[in-house]
Amino acid sequence: MSTIDTSNMSIEQLKTMLEAAQAENNKLKAHTSSNRLSFRVSAKGALSVYGLGRFPVTLYKEQWQRLAAAMPELAAFIEQAGSALTVKVREEEKAAA
């Protein structure tokens, strides 16, 4: 990040610079907070999934394999318990509505 000397700038120039920075910040937020998931391997060799919530979901390979194998059962359970389950709306989706 570079340092900009703002001591000789007018108020209008500063406002323009601030608006540009805010627009860039909003653009970056929209890009990173979309519904995309990202995956990383932790230092201990576990797989972390980012983008589901505030914190990553981290499991080891065997745990992910067990979960993947149980997906049909999980989908059926979600369907059966649907009315009892809470749907969390992301902040971005709230703002868009």
Protein backbone atom coordinates (compact mmCIF):
# COMPACT_ATOMS: atom_id res chain seq x y z
CA MET A 1 0.00 0.00 0.00
CA SER A 2 1.41 3.35 -1.02
CA THR A 3 1.30 6.52 1.02
CA ILE A 4 -0.29 9.58 -0.58
CA ASP A 5 0.54 13.10 0.51
CA THR A 6 -2.86 14.71 1.04
CA SER A 7 -1.60 17.92 2.64
CA ASN A 8 -1.88 19.92 -0.60
CA MET A 9 -5.21 18.46 -1.75
CA SER A 10 -8.48 20.33 -1.82
CA ILE A 11 -11.56 19.07 -0.01
CA GLU A 12 -13.10 18.12 -3.37
CA GLN A 13 -10.01 16.10 -4.33
CA LEU A 14 -10.11 14.32 -0.97
CA LYS A 15 -13.83 13.56 -1.39
CA THR A 16 -13.18 12.16 -4.87
CA MET A 17 -10.34 10.02 -3.55
CA LEU A 18 -12.52 8.75 -0.68
CA GLU A 19 -15.40 7.90 -3.02
CA ALA A 20 -13.03 5.99 -5.31
CA ALA A 21 -11.61 4.07 -2.35
CA GLN A 22 -15.10 3.24 -1.07
CA ALA A 23 -16.17 2.03 -4.52
CA GLU A 24 -13.09 -0.19 -4.76
CA ASN A 25 -13.73 -1.53 -1.25
CA ASN A 26 -17.35 -2.37 -2.13
CA LYS A 27 -16.21 -4.06 -5.33
CA LEU A 28 -13.73 -6.21 -3.40
CA LYS A 29 -16.34 -7.07 -0.76
CA ALA A 30 -18.82 -8.14 -3.42
CA HIS A 31 -16.20 -10.29 -5.10
CA THR A 32 -15.01 -12.06 -1.96
CA SER A 33 -18.35 -12.37 -0.22
CA SER A 34 -20.21 -13.96 -3.10
CA ASN A 35 -21.67 -17.43 -2.76
CA ARG A 36 -18.43 -18.99 -3.96
CA LEU A 37 -16.68 -21.46 -1.75
CA SER A 38 -12.93 -21.72 -1.48
CA PHE A 39 -10.80 -24.58 -0.27
CA ARG A 40 -7.44 -24.68 1.49
CA VAL A 41 -5.24 -27.30 3.04
CA SER A 42 -4.31 -26.40 6.61
CA ALA A 43 -0.84 -26.70 8.11
CA LYS A 44 -1.95 -29.96 9.73
CA GLY A 45 -3.18 -31.41 6.44
CA ALA A 46 -6.91 -30.89 6.93
CA LEU A 47 -9.23 -29.46 4.28
CA SER A 48 -10.88 -26.16 5.17
CA VAL A 49 -13.93 -24.87 3.31
CA TYR A 50 -14.39 -21.09 3.40
CA GLY A 51 -17.54 -19.22 2.47
CA LEU A 52 -20.18 -21.17 4.36
CA GLY A 53 -20.20 -18.91 7.39
CA ARG A 54 -18.01 -16.70 9.50
CA PHE A 55 -15.50 -19.46 10.18
CA PRO A 56 -14.18 -22.20 7.90
CA VAL A 57 -15.38 -25.77 8.16
CA THR A 58 -12.29 -27.93 8.62
CA LEU A 59 -12.21 -31.72 8.48
CA TYR A 60 -9.59 -34.32 7.67
CA LYS A 61 -9.71 -36.30 4.42
CA GLU A 62 -11.40 -39.34 5.98
CA GLN A 63 -14.07 -37.14 7.56
CA TRP A 64 -14.82 -35.43 4.23
CA GLN A 65 -15.04 -38.84 2.56
CA ARG A 66 -17.50 -40.08 5.20
CA LEU A 67 -19.56 -36.92 4.82
CA ALA A 68 -19.55 -37.21 1.01
CA ALA A 69 -20.67 -40.84 1.24
CA ALA A 70 -23.51 -39.81 3.55
CA MET A 71 -24.79 -37.02 1.25
CA PRO A 72 -27.91 -38.93 0.14
CA GLU A 73 -28.83 -39.54 3.79
CA LEU A 74 -28.07 -35.93 4.67
CA ALA A 75 -30.20 -34.63 1.80
CA ALA A 76 -33.08 -36.87 2.87
CA PHE A 77 -32.74 -35.71 6.47
CA ILE A 78 -32.76 -32.06 5.41
CA GLU A 79 -35.88 -32.68 3.33
CA GLN A 80 -37.61 -34.48 6.21
CA ALA A 81 -36.66 -31.92 8.86
CA GLY A 82 -37.05 -28.93 6.54
CA SER A 83 -39.66 -27.05 8.56
CA ALA A 84 -37.65 -27.39 11.78
CA LEU A 85 -34.42 -26.14 10.19
CA THR A 86 -33.53 -22.46 10.20
CA VAL A 87 -32.54 -20.76 6.96
CA LYS A 88 -29.77 -18.24 7.53
CA VAL A 89 -29.86 -15.29 5.17
CA ARG A 90 -26.46 -13.73 4.51
CA GLU A 91 -26.02 -10.02 5.24
CA GLU A 92 -25.38 -9.33 1.53
CA GLU A 93 -28.68 -10.99 0.62
CA LYS A 94 -30.52 -8.95 3.26
CA ALA A 95 -29.10 -5.75 1.85
CA ALA A 96 -30.06 -6.70 -1.70
CA ALA A 97 -33.67 -7.45 -0.73
